[in-house]
Every structure is written in structure tokens, then in C-alpha cells.
Amino acid sequence: MMQHPSVEKGWLRSRAGLALLGFLGIAAFFLVTEHRAHLWGILPYLLLLACPLLHLLMHRGHGRHGGHGEDGAGDTAPHAHPSKGERT
């Protein structure tokens, strides 16, 4: 006899889960349409709050410059960048 593995559906794939997702989608739509003016007013503050997060993400690799010695420690000299007319 060959047994088929039981296929378990996730909770969100059940009828109750799909109904909940539908109601949440409708609620989100009405919240956005009714409070659009408030959302536009908060946008500049969200951009300012994103600055520290972007700063942390962009400076993630500092101190790990490859090819500058054995472990890269003690390499505090500024890196020279070629000027516009200078060839590398």
C-alpha cells in the first residue's frame, strides 16, 4: 500500500485566514484613503528618521578594506583618489 503524505495547509490558506486577510486589506484601504493628508504630513519626518538607519547601513564595511596589509588594522592613512585628468 502506498501512503500519500498529508498536505497541511497553513493557517493563512484556510477559509478563516483568507477572510481575515480580506478584511485587513479593506481596513488598510480605508485607513489610507481617509488619512492621506496625515500620511503626507508625516513623510518629511520619516525621511529624517531614515537618515540614521541609512548611515549605519552605509558605513557597515568601515575598517575592512581588503588588500591593505595583513589584517587591515592600523591603516589610518587617507586613501588617495585620482583627480579628473590623472590616469590610474
PDB file of N, CA and C in Angstrom:
ATOM      1  N   MET A   1       0.822  -1.174   0.000  1.00  0.00           N
ATOM      2  CA  MET A   1       0.000   0.000   0.000  1.00  0.00           C
ATOM      3  C   MET A   1       0.871   1.244   0.000  1.00  0.00           C
ATOM      4  N   MET A   2       0.505   2.176  -0.815  1.00  0.00           N
ATOM      5  CA  MET A   2       1.259   3.418  -0.884  1.00  0.00           C
ATOM      6  C   MET A   2       0.502   4.499  -0.116  1.00  0.00           C
ATOM      7  N   GLN A   3       1.210   5.117   0.819  1.00  0.00           N
ATOM      8  CA  GLN A   3       0.570   6.169   1.607  1.00  0.00           C
ATOM      9  C   GLN A   3       0.996   7.522   1.064  1.00  0.00           C
ATOM     10  N   HIS A   4       0.035   8.393   0.941  1.00  0.00           N
ATOM     11  CA  HIS A   4       0.311   9.745   0.478  1.00  0.00           C
ATOM     12  C   HIS A   4       0.523  10.639   1.691  1.00  0.00           C
ATOM     13  N   PRO A   5       1.560  11.439   1.656  1.00  0.00           N
ATOM     14  CA  PRO A   5       1.774  12.346   2.797  1.00  0.00           C
ATOM     15  C   PRO A   5       0.633  13.355   2.871  1.00  0.00           C
ATOM     16  N   SER A   6       0.218  13.650   4.059  1.00  0.00           N
ATOM     17  CA  SER A   6      -0.872  14.613   4.224  1.00  0.00           C
ATOM     18  C   SER A   6      -0.354  16.014   3.931  1.00  0.00           C
ATOM     19  N   VAL A   7      -1.115  16.716   3.167  1.00  0.00           N
ATOM     20  CA  VAL A   7      -0.740  18.081   2.803  1.00  0.00           C
ATOM     21  C   VAL A   7      -1.409  19.008   3.806  1.00  0.00           C
ATOM     22  N   GLU A   8      -0.585  19.656   4.620  1.00  0.00           N
ATOM     23  CA  GLU A   8      -1.116  20.575   5.615  1.00  0.00           C
ATOM     24  C   GLU A   8      -1.125  21.984   5.043  1.00  0.00           C
ATOM     25  N   LYS A   9      -2.288  22.584   5.119  1.00  0.00           N
ATOM     26  CA  LYS A   9      -2.392  23.973   4.685  1.00  0.00           C
ATOM     27  C   LYS A   9      -2.047  24.872   5.856  1.00  0.00           C
ATOM     28  N   GLY A  10      -1.407  25.978   5.564  1.00  0.00           N
ATOM     29  CA  GLY A  10      -1.103  26.946   6.607  1.00  0.00           C
ATOM     30  C   GLY A  10      -2.379  27.638   7.070  1.00  0.00           C
ATOM     31  N   TRP A  11      -2.298  28.294   8.204  1.00  0.00           N
ATOM     32  CA  TRP A  11      -3.473  28.951   8.744  1.00  0.00           C
ATOM     33  C   TRP A  11      -3.979  30.046   7.806  1.00  0.00           C
ATOM     34  N   LEU A  12      -3.055  30.760   7.140  1.00  0.00           N
ATOM     35  CA  LEU A  12      -3.484  31.829   6.240  1.00  0.00           C
ATOM     36  C   LEU A  12      -4.156  31.292   4.985  1.00  0.00           C
ATOM     37  N   ARG A  13      -3.942  30.030   4.670  1.00  0.00           N
ATOM     38  CA  ARG A  13      -4.577  29.424   3.495  1.00  0.00           C
ATOM     39  C   ARG A  13      -5.955  28.848   3.822  1.00  0.00           C
ATOM     40  N   SER A  14      -6.328  28.857   5.083  1.00  0.00           N
ATOM     41  CA  SER A  14      -7.643  28.355   5.460  1.00  0.00           C
ATOM     42  C   SER A  14      -8.699  29.408   5.126  1.00  0.00           C
ATOM     43  N   ARG A  15      -9.960  29.028   5.226  1.00  0.00           N
ATOM     44  CA  ARG A  15     -11.046  29.963   4.917  1.00  0.00           C
ATOM     45  C   ARG A  15     -11.033  31.148   5.885  1.00  0.00           C
ATOM     46  N   ALA A  16     -10.789  30.878   7.149  1.00  0.00           N
ATOM     47  CA  ALA A  16     -10.772  31.949   8.143  1.00  0.00           C
ATOM     48  C   ALA A  16      -9.588  32.892   7.901  1.00  0.00           C
ATOM     49  N   GLY A  17      -8.450  32.339   7.539  1.00  0.00           N
ATOM     50  CA  GLY A  17      -7.274  33.162   7.267  1.00  0.00           C
ATOM     51  C   GLY A  17      -7.468  34.053   6.054  1.00  0.00           C
ATOM     52  N   LEU A  18      -8.065  33.496   4.998  1.00  0.00           N
ATOM     53  CA  LEU A  18      -8.327  34.300   3.801  1.00  0.00           C
ATOM     54  C   LEU A  18      -9.343  35.404   4.094  1.00  0.00           C
ATOM     55  N   ALA A  19     -10.359  35.090   4.901  1.00  0.00           N
ATOM     56  CA  ALA A  19     -11.342  36.110   5.281  1.00  0.00           C
ATOM     57  C   ALA A  19     -10.669  37.219   6.090  1.00  0.00           C
ATOM     58  N   LEU A  20      -9.782  36.839   7.009  1.00  0.00           N
ATOM     59  CA  LEU A  20      -9.055  37.834   7.809  1.00  0.00           C
ATOM     60  C   LEU A  20      -8.192  38.720   6.911  1.00  0.00           C
ATOM     61  N   LEU A  21      -7.479  38.120   5.956  1.00  0.00           N
ATOM     62  CA  LEU A  21      -6.655  38.916   5.035  1.00  0.00           C
ATOM     63  C   LEU A  21      -7.511  39.877   4.217  1.00  0.00           C
ATOM     64  N   GLY A  22      -8.679  39.423   3.806  1.00  0.00           N
ATOM     65  CA  GLY A  22      -9.585  40.295   3.055  1.00  0.00           C
ATOM     66  C   GLY A  22     -10.031  41.486   3.886  1.00  0.00           C
ATOM     67  N   PHE A  23     -10.450  41.233   5.129  1.00  0.00           N
ATOM     68  CA  PHE A  23     -10.889  42.323   6.000  1.00  0.00           C
ATOM     69  C   PHE A  23      -9.743  43.273   6.334  1.00  0.00           C
ATOM     70  N   LEU A  24      -8.556  42.741   6.549  1.00  0.00           N
ATOM     71  CA  LEU A  24      -7.406  43.605   6.819  1.00  0.00           C
ATOM     72  C   LEU A  24      -7.067  44.473   5.607  1.00  0.00           C
ATOM     73  N   GLY A  25      -7.189  43.913   4.418  1.00  0.00           N
ATOM     74  CA  GLY A  25      -6.943  44.687   3.202  1.00  0.00           C
ATOM     75  C   GLY A  25      -7.940  45.819   3.034  1.00  0.00           C
ATOM     76  N   ILE A  26      -9.213  45.528   3.304  1.00  0.00           N
ATOM     77  CA  ILE A  26     -10.253  46.560   3.208  1.00  0.00           C
ATOM     78  C   ILE A  26     -10.009  47.648   4.253  1.00  0.00           C
ATOM     79  N   ALA A  27      -9.672  47.250   5.481  1.00  0.00           N
ATOM     80  CA  ALA A  27      -9.405  48.226   6.536  1.00  0.00           C
ATOM     81  C   ALA A  27      -8.207  49.096   6.182  1.00  0.00           C
ATOM     82  N   ALA A  28      -7.153  48.496   5.631  1.00  0.00           N
ATOM     83  CA  ALA A  28      -5.974  49.265   5.238  1.00  0.00           C
ATOM     84  C   ALA A  28      -6.313  50.265   4.137  1.00  0.00           C
ATOM     85  N   PHE A  29      -7.147  49.843   3.183  1.00  0.00           N
ATOM     86  CA  PHE A  29      -7.556  50.742   2.103  1.00  0.00           C
ATOM     87  C   PHE A  29      -8.268  51.967   2.661  1.00  0.00           C
ATOM     88  N   PHE A  30      -9.240  51.746   3.546  1.00  0.00           N
ATOM     89  CA  PHE A  30      -9.978  52.882   4.094  1.00  0.00           C
ATOM     90  C   PHE A  30      -9.121  53.749   5.003  1.00  0.00           C
ATOM     91  N   LEU A  31      -8.209  53.155   5.740  1.00  0.00           N
ATOM     92  CA  LEU A  31      -7.312  53.962   6.569  1.00  0.00           C
ATOM     93  C   LEU A  31      -6.443  54.871   5.712  1.00  0.00           C
ATOM     94  N   VAL A  32      -5.918  54.341   4.622  1.00  0.00           N
ATOM     95  CA  VAL A  32      -5.046  55.142   3.754  1.00  0.00           C
ATOM     96  C   VAL A  32      -5.842  56.225   3.051  1.00  0.00           C
ATOM     97  N   THR A  33      -7.031  55.892   2.531  1.00  0.00           N
ATOM     98  CA  THR A  33      -7.797  56.903   1.798  1.00  0.00           C
ATOM     99  C   THR A  33      -8.331  57.999   2.715  1.00  0.00           C
ATOM    100  N   GLU A  34      -8.718  57.659   3.944  1.00  0.00           N
ATOM    101  CA  GLU A  34      -9.270  58.660   4.852  1.00  0.00           C
ATOM    102  C   GLU A  34      -8.195  59.510   5.522  1.00  0.00           C
ATOM    103  N   HIS A  35      -7.005  58.986   5.647  1.00  0.00           N
ATOM    104  CA  HIS A  35      -5.947  59.706   6.368  1.00  0.00           C
ATOM    105  C   HIS A  35      -4.773  60.067   5.464  1.00  0.00           C
ATOM    106  N   ARG A  36      -5.037  60.243   4.200  1.00  0.00           N
ATOM    107  CA  ARG A  36      -3.972  60.548   3.239  1.00  0.00           C
ATOM    108  C   ARG A  36      -3.261  61.856   3.590  1.00  0.00           C
ATOM    109  N   ALA A  37      -3.997  62.863   4.036  1.00  0.00           N
ATOM    110  CA  ALA A  37      -3.381  64.157   4.378  1.00  0.00           C
ATOM    111  C   ALA A  37      -2.407  63.993   5.539  1.00  0.00           C
ATOM    112  N   HIS A  38      -2.767  63.152   6.509  1.00  0.00           N
ATOM    113  CA  HIS A  38      -1.870  62.924   7.634  1.00  0.00           C
ATOM    114  C   HIS A  38      -0.618  62.180   7.196  1.00  0.00           C
ATOM    115  N   LEU A  39      -0.767  61.258   6.268  1.00  0.00           N
ATOM    116  CA  LEU A  39       0.389  60.495   5.793  1.00  0.00           C
ATOM    117  C   LEU A  39       1.366  61.390   5.047  1.00  0.00           C
ATOM    118  N   TRP A  40       0.847  62.318   4.226  1.00  0.00           N
ATOM    119  CA  TRP A  40       1.742  63.225   3.503  1.00  0.00           C
ATOM    120  C   TRP A  40       2.440  64.172   4.464  1.00  0.00           C
ATOM    121  N   GLY A  41       1.790  64.547   5.544  1.00  0.00           N
ATOM    122  CA  GLY A  41       2.386  65.451   6.520  1.00  0.00           C
ATOM    123  C   GLY A  41       3.507  64.800   7.315  1.00  0.00           C
ATOM    124  N   ILE A  42       3.456  63.499   7.446  1.00  0.00           N
ATOM    125  CA  ILE A  42       4.462  62.771   8.239  1.00  0.00           C
ATOM    126  C   ILE A  42       5.679  62.380   7.386  1.00  0.00           C
ATOM    127  N   LEU A  43       5.558  62.441   6.073  1.00  0.00           N
ATOM    128  CA  LEU A  43       6.628  61.987   5.179  1.00  0.00           C
ATOM    129  C   LEU A  43       7.983  62.649   5.437  1.00  0.00           C
ATOM    130  N   PRO A  44       8.072  63.979   5.628  1.00  0.00           N
ATOM    131  CA  PRO A  44       9.405  64.568   5.897  1.00  0.00           C
ATOM    132  C   PRO A  44      10.051  64.009   7.161  1.00  0.00           C
ATOM    133  N   TYR A  45       9.248  63.713   8.170  1.00  0.00           N
ATOM    134  CA  TYR A  45       9.798  63.166   9.407  1.00  0.00           C
ATOM    135  C   TYR A  45      10.289  61.733   9.198  1.00  0.00           C
ATOM    136  N   LEU A  46       9.592  60.977   8.351  1.00  0.00           N
ATOM    137  CA  LEU A  46      10.056  59.624   8.046  1.00  0.00           C
ATOM    138  C   LEU A  46      11.391  59.656   7.313  1.00  0.00           C
ATOM    139  N   LEU A  47      11.572  60.630   6.441  1.00  0.00           N
ATOM    140  CA  LEU A  47      12.858  60.763   5.749  1.00  0.00           C
ATOM    141  C   LEU A  47      13.968  61.107   6.738  1.00  0.00           C
ATOM    142  N   LEU A  48      13.680  61.989   7.691  1.00  0.00           N
ATOM    143  CA  LEU A  48      14.685  62.335   8.697  1.00  0.00           C
ATOM    144  C   LEU A  48      15.007  61.146   9.596  1.00  0.00           C
ATOM    145  N   LEU A  49      14.005  60.350   9.921  1.00  0.00           N
ATOM    146  CA  LEU A  49      14.244  59.167  10.740  1.00  0.00           C
ATOM    147  C   LEU A  49      15.021  58.099   9.975  1.00  0.00           C
ATOM    148  N   ALA A  50      14.936  58.100   8.666  1.00  0.00           N
ATOM    149  CA  ALA A  50      15.653  57.122   7.862  1.00  0.00           C
ATOM    150  C   ALA A  50      17.148  57.441   7.778  1.00  0.00           C
ATOM    151  N   CYS A  51      17.530  58.688   8.013  1.00  0.00           N
ATOM    152  CA  CYS A  51      18.937  59.081   7.901  1.00  0.00           C
ATOM    153  C   CYS A  51      19.863  58.279   8.815  1.00  0.00           C
ATOM    154  N   PRO A  52      19.577  58.153  10.114  1.00  0.00           N
ATOM    155  CA  PRO A  52      20.487  57.366  10.959  1.00  0.00           C
ATOM    156  C   PRO A  52      20.559  55.899  10.542  1.00  0.00           C
ATOM    157  N   LEU A  53      19.436  55.349  10.121  1.00  0.00           N
ATOM    158  CA  LEU A  53      19.429  53.964   9.677  1.00  0.00           C
ATOM    159  C   LEU A  53      20.296  53.794   8.424  1.00  0.00           C
ATOM    160  N   LEU A  54      20.158  54.683   7.469  1.00  0.00           N
ATOM    161  CA  LEU A  54      20.977  54.610   6.265  1.00  0.00           C
ATOM    162  C   LEU A  54      22.442  54.835   6.595  1.00  0.00           C
ATOM    163  N   HIS A  55      22.726  55.710   7.535  1.00  0.00           N
ATOM    164  CA  HIS A  55      24.111  55.953   7.936  1.00  0.00           C
ATOM    165  C   HIS A  55      24.737  54.673   8.480  1.00  0.00           C
ATOM    166  N   LEU A  56      24.006  53.974   9.335  1.00  0.00           N
ATOM    167  CA  LEU A  56      24.528  52.721   9.888  1.00  0.00           C
ATOM    168  C   LEU A  56      24.722  51.668   8.805  1.00  0.00           C
ATOM    169  N   LEU A  57      23.786  51.583   7.880  1.00  0.00           N
ATOM    170  CA  LEU A  57      23.892  50.574   6.824  1.00  0.00           C
ATOM    171  C   LEU A  57      25.002  50.895   5.827  1.00  0.00           C
ATOM    172  N   MET A  58      25.205  52.166   5.533  1.00  0.00           N
ATOM    173  CA  MET A  58      26.203  52.544   4.537  1.00  0.00           C
ATOM    174  C   MET A  58      27.625  52.451   5.085  1.00  0.00           C
ATOM    175  N   HIS A  59      27.808  52.603   6.394  1.00  0.00           N
ATOM    176  CA  HIS A  59      29.132  52.545   6.991  1.00  0.00           C
ATOM    177  C   HIS A  59      29.442  51.183   7.589  1.00  0.00           C
ATOM    178  N   ARG A  60      28.751  50.195   7.144  1.00  0.00           N
ATOM    179  CA  ARG A  60      28.899  48.849   7.694  1.00  0.00           C
ATOM    180  C   ARG A  60      30.292  48.277   7.450  1.00  0.00           C
ATOM    181  N   GLY A  61      30.900  48.549   6.309  1.00  0.00           N
ATOM    182  CA  GLY A  61      32.159  47.926   5.959  1.00  0.00           C
ATOM    183  C   GLY A  61      33.396  48.708   6.351  1.00  0.00           C
ATOM    184  N   HIS A  62      33.283  49.770   7.133  1.00  0.00           N
ATOM    185  CA  HIS A  62      34.458  50.549   7.505  1.00  0.00           C
ATOM    186  C   HIS A  62      35.441  49.708   8.302  1.00  0.00           C
ATOM    187  N   GLY A  63      36.716  49.896   8.003  1.00  0.00           N
ATOM    188  CA  GLY A  63      37.757  49.184   8.722  1.00  0.00           C
ATOM    189  C   GLY A  63      38.083  47.835   8.126  1.00  0.00           C
ATOM    190  N   ARG A  64      37.397  47.433   7.101  1.00  0.00           N
ATOM    191  CA  ARG A  64      37.640  46.127   6.485  1.00  0.00           C
ATOM    192  C   ARG A  64      38.008  46.290   5.016  1.00  0.00           C
ATOM    193  N   HIS A  65      38.915  47.182   4.740  1.00  0.00           N
ATOM    194  CA  HIS A  65      39.344  47.398   3.359  1.00  0.00           C
ATOM    195  C   HIS A  65      40.304  46.285   2.969  1.00  0.00           C
ATOM    196  N   GLY A  66      39.952  45.529   1.965  1.00  0.00           N
ATOM    197  CA  GLY A  66      40.786  44.406   1.549  1.00  0.00           C
ATOM    198  C   GLY A  66      42.047  44.861   0.839  1.00  0.00           C
ATOM    199  N   GLY A  67      43.131  44.133   1.004  1.00  0.00           N
ATOM    200  CA  GLY A  67      44.366  44.409   0.288  1.00  0.00           C
ATOM    201  C   GLY A  67      45.231  45.480   0.919  1.00  0.00           C
ATOM    202  N   HIS A  68      44.982  45.871   2.138  1.00  0.00           N
ATOM    203  CA  HIS A  68      45.772  46.901   2.803  1.00  0.00           C
ATOM    204  C   HIS A  68      46.505  46.301   3.990  1.00  0.00           C
ATOM    205  N   GLY A  69      47.322  45.319   3.747  1.00  0.00           N
ATOM    206  CA  GLY A  69      48.071  44.707   4.841  1.00  0.00           C
ATOM    207  C   GLY A  69      47.476  43.376   5.240  1.00  0.00           C
ATOM    208  N   GLU A  70      48.025  42.819   6.295  1.00  0.00           N
ATOM    209  CA  GLU A  70      47.599  41.500   6.747  1.00  0.00           C
ATOM    210  C   GLU A  70      46.158  41.503   7.246  1.00  0.00           C
ATOM    211  N   ASP A  71      45.906  42.320   8.254  1.00  0.00           N
ATOM    212  CA  ASP A  71      44.570  42.317   8.847  1.00  0.00           C
ATOM    213  C   ASP A  71      43.832  43.633   8.648  1.00  0.00           C
ATOM    214  N   GLY A  72      44.466  44.619   8.050  1.00  0.00           N
ATOM    215  CA  GLY A  72      43.829  45.904   7.815  1.00  0.00           C
ATOM    216  C   GLY A  72      43.874  46.818   9.022  1.00  0.00           C
ATOM    217  N   ALA A  73      44.392  46.332  10.152  1.00  0.00           N
ATOM    218  CA  ALA A  73      44.452  47.148  11.357  1.00  0.00           C
ATOM    219  C   ALA A  73      45.593  48.144  11.239  1.00  0.00           C
ATOM    220  N   GLY A  74      45.398  49.303  11.749  1.00  0.00           N
ATOM    221  CA  GLY A  74      46.441  50.317  11.752  1.00  0.00           C
ATOM    222  C   GLY A  74      46.544  51.078  10.447  1.00  0.00           C
ATOM    223  N   ASP A  75      45.689  50.804   9.492  1.00  0.00           N
ATOM    224  CA  ASP A  75      45.703  51.515   8.223  1.00  0.00           C
ATOM    225  C   ASP A  75      44.832  52.756   8.368  1.00  0.00           C
ATOM    226  N   THR A  76      45.435  53.836   8.867  1.00  0.00           N
ATOM    227  CA  THR A  76      44.666  55.049   9.104  1.00  0.00           C
ATOM    228  C   THR A  76      44.967  56.123   8.083  1.00  0.00           C
ATOM    229  N   ALA A  77      45.864  55.858   7.136  1.00  0.00           N
ATOM    230  CA  ALA A  77      46.204  56.855   6.128  1.00  0.00           C
ATOM    231  C   ALA A  77      45.028  57.027   5.175  1.00  0.00           C
ATOM    232  N   PRO A  78      44.756  58.284   4.788  1.00  0.00           N
ATOM    233  CA  PRO A  78      43.646  58.502   3.848  1.00  0.00           C
ATOM    234  C   PRO A  78      43.978  57.894   2.496  1.00  0.00           C
ATOM    235  N   HIS A  79      42.961  57.412   1.836  1.00  0.00           N
ATOM    236  CA  HIS A  79      43.148  56.800   0.526  1.00  0.00           C
ATOM    237  C   HIS A  79      43.221  57.897  -0.528  1.00  0.00           C
ATOM    238  N   ALA A  80      44.202  57.791  -1.403  1.00  0.00           N
ATOM    239  CA  ALA A  80      44.369  58.794  -2.453  1.00  0.00           C
ATOM    240  C   ALA A  80      43.424  58.481  -3.616  1.00  0.00           C
ATOM    241  N   HIS A  81      42.686  59.479  -4.042  1.00  0.00           N
ATOM    242  CA  HIS A  81      41.776  59.328  -5.170  1.00  0.00           C
ATOM    243  C   HIS A  81      42.358  60.115  -6.337  1.00  0.00           C
ATOM    244  N   PRO A  82      42.398  59.526  -7.527  1.00  0.00           N
ATOM    245  CA  PRO A  82      42.944  60.267  -8.685  1.00  0.00           C
ATOM    246  C   PRO A  82      42.044  61.425  -9.062  1.00  0.00           C
ATOM    247  N   SER A  83      42.662  62.516  -9.495  1.00  0.00           N
ATOM    248  CA  SER A  83      41.888  63.664  -9.946  1.00  0.00           C
ATOM    249  C   SER A  83      41.334  63.375 -11.337  1.00  0.00           C
ATOM    250  N   LYS A  84      40.540  64.277 -11.878  1.00  0.00           N
ATOM    251  CA  LYS A  84      39.842  64.037 -13.146  1.00  0.00           C
ATOM    252  C   LYS A  84      40.801  63.744 -14.299  1.00  0.00           C
ATOM    253  N   GLY A  85      41.858  64.510 -14.429  1.00  0.00           N
ATOM    254  CA  GLY A  85      42.765  64.357 -15.556  1.00  0.00           C
ATOM    255  C   GLY A  85      43.835  63.310 -15.363  1.00  0.00           C
ATOM    256  N   GLU A  86      43.955  62.746 -14.168  1.00  0.00           N
ATOM    257  CA  GLU A  86      45.027  61.814 -13.855  1.00  0.00           C
ATOM    258  C   GLU A  86      44.613  60.389 -14.164  1.00  0.00           C
ATOM    259  N   ARG A  87      45.513  59.636 -14.789  1.00  0.00           N
ATOM    260  CA  ARG A  87      45.245  58.243 -15.119  1.00  0.00           C
ATOM    261  C   ARG A  87      45.669  57.361 -13.960  1.00  0.00           C
ATOM    262  N   THR A  88      44.982  56.230 -13.843  1.00  0.00           N
ATOM    263  CA  THR A  88      45.353  55.283 -12.774  1.00  0.00           C
ATOM    264  C   THR A  88      46.132  54.135 -13.331  1.00  0.00           C
TER     265      THR A  88
END
